[in-house]
Amino acid sequence: HRSPPASPRLRDSQTRKLRARAFTANDITTSHYTAYNFVPKNLWQQFQRVANVYFLLIGMLQLDVFFPGLSPTHWSTTIAPLAFVLSINAAKEAYDDYFRHRSDAAVNATPCVRILRPKNPPRGDAAPTTTRLQTVRWKDLRVGDIALVRNNQELPADVVCVQSSDRAGVGYVET
């Protein structure tokens, strides 16, 4: 027993869902951190520096837990400057990453024009239907979408040039 064919509208929505799962999104991410991973990721990056590891080890040796009486100075004389340097670097990284997030959001929200496929394409010698255009954000473009790119406009994704308005059919890309 075969089920009846799905309506074109249902097929289009199913195709979109499958495409969204099969390919990565078109949004740009240049930021390094999120609110959830900032502290561990930042500490990991900061302790990639040998100087920070050195001062941490010296501070641990001064704790008097492992080797009582080993250090003539208190552990805070090493840990306090290390904590100060780590916090200044973390603040700088957070500041820079905040502006990366803002820049990413602005680029991802840039509008572009998507050419929509006709719901009921003409068959045979029928007159072609009018082209419908939809303005979407760059991050909402998906694989298989047809985008209308005008002269001197930035490209919203990796694209294949299908047609050019140039008389010779040539398109120029500046990188």
N, C-alpha and C. Protein backbone atom coordinates (compact mmCIF):
# COMPACT_ATOMS: atom_id res chain seq x y z
N HIS A 1 0.84 -1.18 0.00
CA HIS A 1 0.00 0.00 0.00
C HIS A 1 0.88 1.23 0.00
N ARG A 2 0.70 2.09 -0.96
CA ARG A 2 1.50 3.31 -1.05
C ARG A 2 0.70 4.48 -0.52
N SER A 3 1.40 5.36 0.17
CA SER A 3 0.73 6.56 0.68
C SER A 3 0.62 7.58 -0.45
N PRO A 4 -0.38 8.45 -0.37
CA PRO A 4 -0.55 9.46 -1.42
C PRO A 4 0.64 10.42 -1.42
N PRO A 5 0.98 10.99 -2.59
CA PRO A 5 2.13 11.91 -2.65
C PRO A 5 1.89 13.14 -1.78
N ALA A 6 2.95 13.63 -1.20
CA ALA A 6 2.85 14.80 -0.33
C ALA A 6 2.61 16.04 -1.18
N SER A 7 1.96 17.01 -0.56
CA SER A 7 1.71 18.26 -1.27
C SER A 7 3.04 18.98 -1.51
N PRO A 8 3.13 19.86 -2.54
CA PRO A 8 4.39 20.57 -2.80
C PRO A 8 4.84 21.39 -1.60
N ARG A 9 3.90 21.96 -0.87
CA ARG A 9 4.25 22.78 0.28
C ARG A 9 4.89 21.91 1.38
N LEU A 10 4.33 20.72 1.61
CA LEU A 10 4.88 19.81 2.62
C LEU A 10 6.26 19.33 2.19
N ARG A 11 6.40 18.98 0.91
CA ARG A 11 7.71 18.53 0.40
C ARG A 11 8.76 19.61 0.58
N ASP A 12 8.41 20.88 0.29
CA ASP A 12 9.36 21.99 0.42
C ASP A 12 9.80 22.16 1.87
N SER A 13 8.87 22.07 2.82
CA SER A 13 9.23 22.22 4.23
C SER A 13 10.08 21.05 4.70
N GLN A 14 9.75 19.84 4.22
CA GLN A 14 10.56 18.68 4.59
C GLN A 14 11.97 18.80 4.00
N THR A 15 12.07 19.25 2.77
CA THR A 15 13.37 19.43 2.13
C THR A 15 14.20 20.44 2.90
N ARG A 16 13.58 21.53 3.32
CA ARG A 16 14.28 22.57 4.10
C ARG A 16 14.80 22.02 5.42
N LYS A 17 14.00 21.21 6.10
CA LYS A 17 14.42 20.62 7.37
C LYS A 17 15.60 19.66 7.16
N LEU A 18 15.52 18.85 6.13
CA LEU A 18 16.61 17.92 5.84
C LEU A 18 17.89 18.67 5.49
N ARG A 19 17.76 19.73 4.69
CA ARG A 19 18.91 20.52 4.31
C ARG A 19 19.52 21.21 5.52
N ALA A 20 18.70 21.67 6.43
CA ALA A 20 19.20 22.36 7.62
C ALA A 20 20.00 21.41 8.50
N ARG A 21 19.61 20.14 8.55
CA ARG A 21 20.35 19.16 9.36
C ARG A 21 21.61 18.68 8.67
N ALA A 22 21.59 18.58 7.34
CA ALA A 22 22.69 17.98 6.61
C ALA A 22 23.87 18.94 6.43
N PHE A 23 23.64 20.23 6.43
CA PHE A 23 24.70 21.21 6.17
C PHE A 23 24.81 22.18 7.34
N THR A 24 25.98 22.73 7.49
CA THR A 24 26.16 23.72 8.56
C THR A 24 25.44 25.00 8.20
N ALA A 25 25.20 25.81 9.20
CA ALA A 25 24.49 27.07 9.00
C ALA A 25 25.41 28.07 8.31
N ASN A 26 24.85 29.15 7.84
CA ASN A 26 25.60 30.17 7.11
C ASN A 26 26.03 31.31 8.02
N ASP A 27 25.87 31.18 9.32
CA ASP A 27 26.24 32.28 10.19
C ASP A 27 27.74 32.29 10.43
N ILE A 28 28.27 33.50 10.62
CA ILE A 28 29.69 33.72 10.82
C ILE A 28 29.96 33.85 12.30
N THR A 29 31.00 33.15 12.77
CA THR A 29 31.40 33.24 14.17
C THR A 29 32.90 33.45 14.24
N THR A 30 33.31 34.65 14.64
CA THR A 30 34.74 34.93 14.81
C THR A 30 35.10 35.06 16.29
N SER A 31 34.09 35.05 17.15
CA SER A 31 34.36 35.17 18.58
C SER A 31 34.94 33.87 19.11
N HIS A 32 35.69 33.97 20.20
CA HIS A 32 36.35 32.80 20.76
C HIS A 32 35.57 32.18 21.91
N TYR A 33 34.80 32.98 22.63
CA TYR A 33 34.21 32.52 23.88
C TYR A 33 32.70 32.66 23.87
N THR A 34 32.07 31.89 24.77
CA THR A 34 30.66 32.09 25.11
C THR A 34 30.62 32.36 26.61
N ALA A 35 29.45 32.68 27.12
CA ALA A 35 29.33 32.92 28.56
C ALA A 35 29.63 31.65 29.36
N TYR A 36 29.40 30.50 28.76
CA TYR A 36 29.60 29.23 29.47
C TYR A 36 31.04 28.76 29.48
N ASN A 37 31.79 29.07 28.42
CA ASN A 37 33.14 28.52 28.35
C ASN A 37 34.24 29.54 28.56
N PHE A 38 33.89 30.77 28.93
CA PHE A 38 34.91 31.82 29.04
C PHE A 38 35.98 31.49 30.07
N VAL A 39 35.59 31.18 31.29
CA VAL A 39 36.58 30.96 32.36
C VAL A 39 37.48 29.77 32.07
N PRO A 40 36.95 28.57 31.79
CA PRO A 40 37.88 27.46 31.54
C PRO A 40 38.74 27.65 30.29
N LYS A 41 38.14 28.15 29.22
CA LYS A 41 38.90 28.31 27.98
C LYS A 41 39.96 29.40 28.12
N ASN A 42 39.62 30.48 28.80
CA ASN A 42 40.58 31.57 29.01
C ASN A 42 41.73 31.12 29.90
N LEU A 43 41.41 30.40 30.97
CA LEU A 43 42.49 29.90 31.84
C LEU A 43 43.38 28.92 31.08
N TRP A 44 42.78 28.07 30.28
CA TRP A 44 43.57 27.12 29.50
C TRP A 44 44.54 27.87 28.58
N GLN A 45 44.04 28.90 27.90
CA GLN A 45 44.89 29.67 27.00
C GLN A 45 45.98 30.42 27.76
N GLN A 46 45.64 30.96 28.93
CA GLN A 46 46.63 31.72 29.68
C GLN A 46 47.71 30.82 30.26
N PHE A 47 47.37 29.59 30.63
CA PHE A 47 48.38 28.69 31.17
C PHE A 47 49.13 27.94 30.08
N GLN A 48 48.91 28.31 28.84
CA GLN A 48 49.78 27.85 27.76
C GLN A 48 51.09 28.65 27.77
N ARG A 49 51.08 29.78 28.46
CA ARG A 49 52.30 30.59 28.59
C ARG A 49 53.15 30.01 29.72
N VAL A 50 54.42 29.82 29.44
CA VAL A 50 55.33 29.20 30.39
C VAL A 50 55.46 30.04 31.66
N ALA A 51 55.48 31.35 31.52
CA ALA A 51 55.65 32.23 32.69
C ALA A 51 54.51 32.04 33.68
N ASN A 52 53.29 31.92 33.19
CA ASN A 52 52.15 31.74 34.09
C ASN A 52 52.22 30.40 34.81
N VAL A 53 52.64 29.36 34.12
CA VAL A 53 52.80 28.04 34.75
C VAL A 53 53.90 28.10 35.80
N TYR A 54 54.98 28.77 35.48
CA TYR A 54 56.10 28.90 36.42
C TYR A 54 55.65 29.56 37.73
N PHE A 55 54.97 30.69 37.62
CA PHE A 55 54.53 31.39 38.83
C PHE A 55 53.49 30.60 39.61
N LEU A 56 52.66 29.83 38.91
CA LEU A 56 51.70 28.98 39.61
C LEU A 56 52.43 27.89 40.40
N LEU A 57 53.42 27.27 39.78
CA LEU A 57 54.19 26.23 40.49
C LEU A 57 54.94 26.80 41.69
N ILE A 58 55.55 27.96 41.54
CA ILE A 58 56.26 28.59 42.66
C ILE A 58 55.28 28.92 43.78
N GLY A 59 54.10 29.43 43.41
CA GLY A 59 53.08 29.73 44.41
C GLY A 59 52.62 28.48 45.15
N MET A 60 52.50 27.37 44.42
CA MET A 60 52.09 26.11 45.07
C MET A 60 53.17 25.61 46.02
N LEU A 61 54.43 25.78 45.64
CA LEU A 61 55.52 25.37 46.53
C LEU A 61 55.56 26.21 47.81
N GLN A 62 55.11 27.43 47.72
CA GLN A 62 55.11 28.33 48.88
C GLN A 62 53.91 28.10 49.79
N LEU A 63 53.02 27.20 49.48
CA LEU A 63 51.82 26.98 50.28
C LEU A 63 52.10 26.34 51.63
N ASP A 64 53.24 25.77 51.84
CA ASP A 64 53.61 25.08 53.08
C ASP A 64 52.77 23.82 53.31
N VAL A 65 52.08 23.37 52.30
CA VAL A 65 51.30 22.14 52.43
C VAL A 65 52.17 20.95 52.03
N PHE A 66 52.86 21.12 50.91
CA PHE A 66 53.68 20.03 50.39
C PHE A 66 55.03 19.92 51.12
N PHE A 67 55.68 21.06 51.28
CA PHE A 67 57.00 21.10 51.92
C PHE A 67 57.00 22.21 52.97
N PRO A 68 56.62 21.91 54.21
CA PRO A 68 56.56 22.94 55.25
C PRO A 68 57.93 23.57 55.48
N GLY A 69 57.94 24.88 55.58
CA GLY A 69 59.16 25.62 55.87
C GLY A 69 60.08 25.79 54.68
N LEU A 70 59.66 25.41 53.47
CA LEU A 70 60.52 25.51 52.29
C LEU A 70 60.71 26.96 51.86
N SER A 71 59.66 27.75 51.95
CA SER A 71 59.72 29.11 51.42
C SER A 71 59.86 30.14 52.54
N PRO A 72 60.77 31.12 52.38
CA PRO A 72 60.89 32.18 53.36
C PRO A 72 59.81 33.25 53.21
N THR A 73 59.08 33.24 52.08
CA THR A 73 58.02 34.24 51.86
C THR A 73 56.66 33.57 51.86
N HIS A 74 55.67 34.39 52.00
CA HIS A 74 54.28 33.91 52.00
C HIS A 74 53.83 33.63 50.57
N TRP A 75 52.93 32.68 50.39
CA TRP A 75 52.45 32.31 49.06
C TRP A 75 51.76 33.46 48.35
N SER A 76 51.19 34.37 49.08
CA SER A 76 50.44 35.47 48.46
C SER A 76 51.36 36.41 47.67
N THR A 77 52.66 36.43 47.98
CA THR A 77 53.56 37.31 47.24
C THR A 77 53.77 36.82 45.80
N THR A 78 53.46 35.58 45.53
CA THR A 78 53.55 35.06 44.16
C THR A 78 52.18 34.94 43.52
N ILE A 79 51.22 34.46 44.26
CA ILE A 79 49.88 34.21 43.71
C ILE A 79 49.14 35.52 43.42
N ALA A 80 49.29 36.53 44.27
CA ALA A 80 48.59 37.80 44.05
C ALA A 80 49.00 38.45 42.73
N PRO A 81 50.31 38.59 42.43
CA PRO A 81 50.66 39.16 41.12
C PRO A 81 50.18 38.29 39.94
N LEU A 82 50.24 36.96 40.12
CA LEU A 82 49.76 36.07 39.06
C LEU A 82 48.27 36.26 38.84
N ALA A 83 47.50 36.32 39.91
CA ALA A 83 46.05 36.54 39.80
C ALA A 83 45.75 37.89 39.15
N PHE A 84 46.54 38.89 39.48
CA PHE A 84 46.36 40.23 38.88
C PHE A 84 46.60 40.17 37.37
N VAL A 85 47.70 39.54 36.95
CA VAL A 85 48.02 39.44 35.53
C VAL A 85 46.95 38.62 34.80
N LEU A 86 46.52 37.50 35.38
CA LEU A 86 45.49 36.68 34.75
C LEU A 86 44.18 37.44 34.61
N SER A 87 43.81 38.21 35.63
CA SER A 87 42.54 38.93 35.56
C SER A 87 42.60 40.08 34.56
N ILE A 88 43.75 40.76 34.45
CA ILE A 88 43.87 41.83 33.44
C ILE A 88 43.78 41.24 32.04
N ASN A 89 44.48 40.13 31.80
CA ASN A 89 44.40 39.47 30.49
C ASN A 89 42.99 38.97 30.20
N ALA A 90 42.31 38.43 31.19
CA ALA A 90 40.94 37.94 31.01
C ALA A 90 40.00 39.10 30.68
N ALA A 91 40.19 40.23 31.37
CA ALA A 91 39.34 41.40 31.09
C ALA A 91 39.56 41.89 29.66
N LYS A 92 40.80 41.91 29.22
CA LYS A 92 41.11 42.34 27.85
C LYS A 92 40.49 41.38 26.83
N GLU A 93 40.60 40.09 27.08
CA GLU A 93 40.01 39.10 26.18
C GLU A 93 38.49 39.22 26.14
N ALA A 94 37.87 39.43 27.30
CA ALA A 94 36.41 39.58 27.35
C ALA A 94 35.97 40.83 26.57
N TYR A 95 36.71 41.90 26.72
CA TYR A 95 36.41 43.15 26.02
C TYR A 95 36.50 42.93 24.50
N ASP A 96 37.61 42.32 24.05
CA ASP A 96 37.78 42.07 22.62
C ASP A 96 36.71 41.13 22.09
N ASP A 97 36.38 40.10 22.84
CA ASP A 97 35.40 39.12 22.38
C ASP A 97 33.99 39.70 22.33
N TYR A 98 33.70 40.63 23.23
CA TYR A 98 32.40 41.30 23.20
C TYR A 98 32.20 42.00 21.85
N PHE A 99 33.24 42.68 21.39
CA PHE A 99 33.12 43.38 20.11
C PHE A 99 33.14 42.41 18.93
N ARG A 100 33.77 41.26 19.07
CA ARG A 100 33.68 40.23 18.04
C ARG A 100 32.24 39.72 17.93
N HIS A 101 31.59 39.50 19.07
CA HIS A 101 30.18 39.06 19.06
C HIS A 101 29.30 40.09 18.39
N ARG A 102 29.53 41.37 18.68
CA ARG A 102 28.72 42.42 18.06
C ARG A 102 28.94 42.48 16.56
N SER A 103 30.20 42.34 16.13
CA SER A 103 30.50 42.35 14.71
C SER A 103 29.87 41.14 14.01
N ASP A 104 29.94 39.98 14.65
CA ASP A 104 29.31 38.78 14.08
C ASP A 104 27.81 38.97 13.92
N ALA A 105 27.19 39.55 14.93
CA ALA A 105 25.74 39.76 14.87
C ALA A 105 25.37 40.72 13.74
N ALA A 106 26.18 41.76 13.55
CA ALA A 106 25.90 42.72 12.48
C ALA A 106 26.05 42.07 11.10
N VAL A 107 27.11 41.29 10.92
CA VAL A 107 27.31 40.63 9.62
C VAL A 107 26.21 39.60 9.37
N ASN A 108 25.87 38.81 10.37
CA ASN A 108 24.84 37.78 10.20
C ASN A 108 23.46 38.37 9.94
N ALA A 109 23.23 39.60 10.37
CA ALA A 109 21.92 40.24 10.18
C ALA A 109 21.85 41.05 8.88
N THR A 110 22.92 41.08 8.11
CA THR A 110 22.92 41.82 6.85
C THR A 110 21.87 41.23 5.92
N PRO A 111 21.02 42.09 5.35
CA PRO A 111 19.97 41.56 4.48
C PRO A 111 20.50 41.16 3.10
N CYS A 112 19.89 40.13 2.55
CA CYS A 112 20.16 39.73 1.17
C CYS A 112 18.84 39.27 0.56
N VAL A 113 18.84 39.09 -0.73
CA VAL A 113 17.61 38.73 -1.43
C VAL A 113 17.71 37.28 -1.87
N ARG A 114 16.71 36.49 -1.48
CA ARG A 114 16.62 35.09 -1.89
C ARG A 114 15.51 34.98 -2.93
N ILE A 115 15.79 34.27 -4.00
CA ILE A 115 14.80 34.04 -5.04
C ILE A 115 14.04 32.77 -4.66
N LEU A 116 12.74 32.90 -4.52
CA LEU A 116 11.91 31.76 -4.12
C LEU A 116 11.48 30.96 -5.33
N ARG A 117 11.46 29.67 -5.16
CA ARG A 117 10.97 28.79 -6.23
C ARG A 117 9.45 28.92 -6.31
N PRO A 118 8.90 28.86 -7.52
CA PRO A 118 7.44 28.93 -7.62
C PRO A 118 6.80 27.70 -6.98
N LYS A 119 5.67 27.91 -6.33
CA LYS A 119 4.99 26.79 -5.66
C LYS A 119 4.47 25.78 -6.67
N ASN A 120 3.92 26.27 -7.74
CA ASN A 120 3.41 25.39 -8.80
C ASN A 120 4.12 25.76 -10.09
N PRO A 121 5.27 25.14 -10.38
CA PRO A 121 6.00 25.52 -11.59
C PRO A 121 5.19 25.21 -12.84
N PRO A 122 5.35 26.04 -13.89
CA PRO A 122 4.59 25.81 -15.12
C PRO A 122 5.04 24.52 -15.80
N ARG A 123 4.10 23.86 -16.44
CA ARG A 123 4.42 22.61 -17.15
C ARG A 123 4.19 22.82 -18.65
N GLY A 124 5.08 22.26 -19.41
CA GLY A 124 4.92 22.32 -20.87
C GLY A 124 5.06 23.74 -21.39
N ASP A 125 4.08 24.17 -22.20
CA ASP A 125 4.13 25.49 -22.84
C ASP A 125 3.43 26.56 -22.03
N ALA A 126 3.16 26.30 -20.76
CA ALA A 126 2.46 27.29 -19.94
C ALA A 126 3.34 28.52 -19.73
N ALA A 127 2.70 29.64 -19.52
CA ALA A 127 3.43 30.89 -19.30
C ALA A 127 4.20 30.81 -17.98
N PRO A 128 5.43 31.33 -17.95
CA PRO A 128 6.21 31.28 -16.71
C PRO A 128 5.57 32.14 -15.62
N THR A 129 5.71 31.69 -14.41
CA THR A 129 5.17 32.44 -13.29
C THR A 129 6.12 33.57 -12.92
N THR A 130 5.62 34.54 -12.20
CA THR A 130 6.47 35.66 -11.80
C THR A 130 7.43 35.21 -10.70
N THR A 131 8.59 35.81 -10.71
CA THR A 131 9.61 35.47 -9.72
C THR A 131 9.30 36.20 -8.42
N ARG A 132 9.34 35.45 -7.32
CA ARG A 132 9.11 36.06 -6.02
C ARG A 132 10.45 36.21 -5.32
N LEU A 133 10.66 37.37 -4.70
CA LEU A 133 11.88 37.66 -3.97
C LEU A 133 11.57 37.78 -2.49
N GLN A 134 12.48 37.35 -1.68
CA GLN A 134 12.30 37.43 -0.23
C GLN A 134 13.59 37.96 0.38
N THR A 135 13.46 39.00 1.20
CA THR A 135 14.63 39.53 1.89
C THR A 135 14.84 38.73 3.17
N VAL A 136 16.04 38.17 3.31
CA VAL A 136 16.38 37.37 4.48
C VAL A 136 17.74 37.84 5.01
N ARG A 137 18.05 37.41 6.21
CA ARG A 137 19.37 37.70 6.76
C ARG A 137 20.37 36.70 6.21
N TRP A 138 21.66 37.09 6.18
CA TRP A 138 22.69 36.21 5.66
C TRP A 138 22.68 34.86 6.37
N LYS A 139 22.48 34.89 7.69
CA LYS A 139 22.55 33.64 8.43
C LYS A 139 21.38 32.70 8.12
N ASP A 140 20.35 33.21 7.46
CA ASP A 140 19.20 32.37 7.13
C ASP A 140 19.28 31.73 5.75
N LEU A 141 20.33 32.05 4.98
CA LEU A 141 20.53 31.38 3.70
C LEU A 141 20.92 29.93 3.95
N ARG A 142 20.46 29.04 3.12
CA ARG A 142 20.76 27.62 3.26
C ARG A 142 21.31 27.09 1.94
N VAL A 143 21.91 25.92 2.00
CA VAL A 143 22.44 25.28 0.81
C VAL A 143 21.29 25.04 -0.16
N GLY A 144 21.48 25.41 -1.42
CA GLY A 144 20.46 25.23 -2.44
C GLY A 144 19.62 26.47 -2.69
N ASP A 145 19.71 27.47 -1.81
CA ASP A 145 18.97 28.71 -2.03
C ASP A 145 19.61 29.48 -3.19
N ILE A 146 18.79 30.22 -3.89
CA ILE A 146 19.29 31.06 -4.97
C ILE A 146 19.24 32.50 -4.46
N ALA A 147 20.41 33.13 -4.44
CA ALA A 147 20.52 34.51 -3.93
C ALA A 147 20.73 35.47 -5.08
N LEU A 148 20.09 36.61 -5.00
CA LEU A 148 20.26 37.66 -5.99
C LEU A 148 21.32 38.61 -5.46
N VAL A 149 22.45 38.69 -6.17
CA VAL A 149 23.56 39.56 -5.76
C VAL A 149 23.70 40.65 -6.81
N ARG A 150 23.62 41.88 -6.38
CA ARG A 150 23.70 43.01 -7.31
C ARG A 150 25.14 43.50 -7.42
N ASN A 151 25.37 44.42 -8.33
CA ASN A 151 26.69 44.98 -8.59
C ASN A 151 27.28 45.62 -7.33
N ASN A 152 28.53 45.33 -7.04
CA ASN A 152 29.28 45.87 -5.89
C ASN A 152 28.69 45.48 -4.55
N GLN A 153 27.96 44.41 -4.50
CA GLN A 153 27.38 43.92 -3.25
C GLN A 153 28.24 42.78 -2.72
N GLU A 154 28.39 42.70 -1.40
CA GLU A 154 29.16 41.62 -0.81
C GLU A 154 28.39 40.31 -0.97
N LEU A 155 29.16 39.23 -1.13
CA LEU A 155 28.54 37.92 -1.28
C LEU A 155 28.17 37.38 0.10
N PRO A 156 26.94 36.89 0.26
CA PRO A 156 26.49 36.43 1.56
C PRO A 156 26.94 35.03 1.93
N ALA A 157 27.54 34.29 1.02
CA ALA A 157 27.93 32.90 1.29
C ALA A 157 28.84 32.44 0.17
N ASP A 158 29.28 31.19 0.24
CA ASP A 158 29.96 30.59 -0.90
C ASP A 158 28.90 30.37 -1.96
N VAL A 159 29.08 30.99 -3.11
CA VAL A 159 28.05 30.95 -4.14
C VAL A 159 28.61 30.46 -5.46
N VAL A 160 27.72 30.01 -6.30
CA VAL A 160 28.03 29.66 -7.68
C VAL A 160 27.30 30.68 -8.54
N CYS A 161 28.03 31.35 -9.41
CA CYS A 161 27.40 32.36 -10.28
C CYS A 161 26.63 31.63 -11.38
N VAL A 162 25.32 31.86 -11.42
CA VAL A 162 24.46 31.20 -12.40
C VAL A 162 24.28 32.09 -13.61
N GLN A 163 24.18 33.40 -13.37
CA GLN A 163 23.93 34.33 -14.46
C GLN A 163 24.52 35.67 -14.10
N SER A 164 24.94 36.42 -15.11
CA SER A 164 25.50 37.76 -14.90
C SER A 164 24.74 38.75 -15.76
N SER A 165 24.66 39.99 -15.30
CA SER A 165 24.00 41.02 -16.09
C SER A 165 24.94 41.63 -17.12
N ASP A 166 26.21 41.26 -17.09
CA ASP A 166 27.18 41.75 -18.06
C ASP A 166 26.83 41.20 -19.44
N ARG A 167 27.07 42.00 -20.48
CA ARG A 167 26.72 41.56 -21.85
C ARG A 167 27.46 40.29 -22.23
N ALA A 168 28.71 40.18 -21.80
CA ALA A 168 29.51 39.00 -22.13
C ALA A 168 29.28 37.86 -21.14
N GLY A 169 28.44 38.11 -20.12
CA GLY A 169 28.16 37.09 -19.14
C GLY A 169 29.29 36.89 -18.14
N VAL A 170 30.13 37.90 -17.99
CA VAL A 170 31.30 37.80 -17.11
C VAL A 170 30.99 38.44 -15.77
N GLY A 171 31.49 37.85 -14.72
CA GLY A 171 31.36 38.42 -13.38
C GLY A 171 32.75 38.56 -12.76
N TYR A 172 32.99 39.64 -12.07
CA TYR A 172 34.28 39.89 -11.44
C TYR A 172 34.13 39.82 -9.93
N VAL A 173 35.05 39.13 -9.30
CA VAL A 173 35.03 39.00 -7.86
C VAL A 173 36.31 39.59 -7.31
N GLU A 174 36.15 40.47 -6.33
CA GLU A 174 37.29 41.09 -5.66
C GLU A 174 37.38 40.53 -4.26
N THR A 175 38.54 40.01 -3.91
CA THR A 175 38.70 39.43 -2.59
C THR A 175 39.57 40.28 -1.72
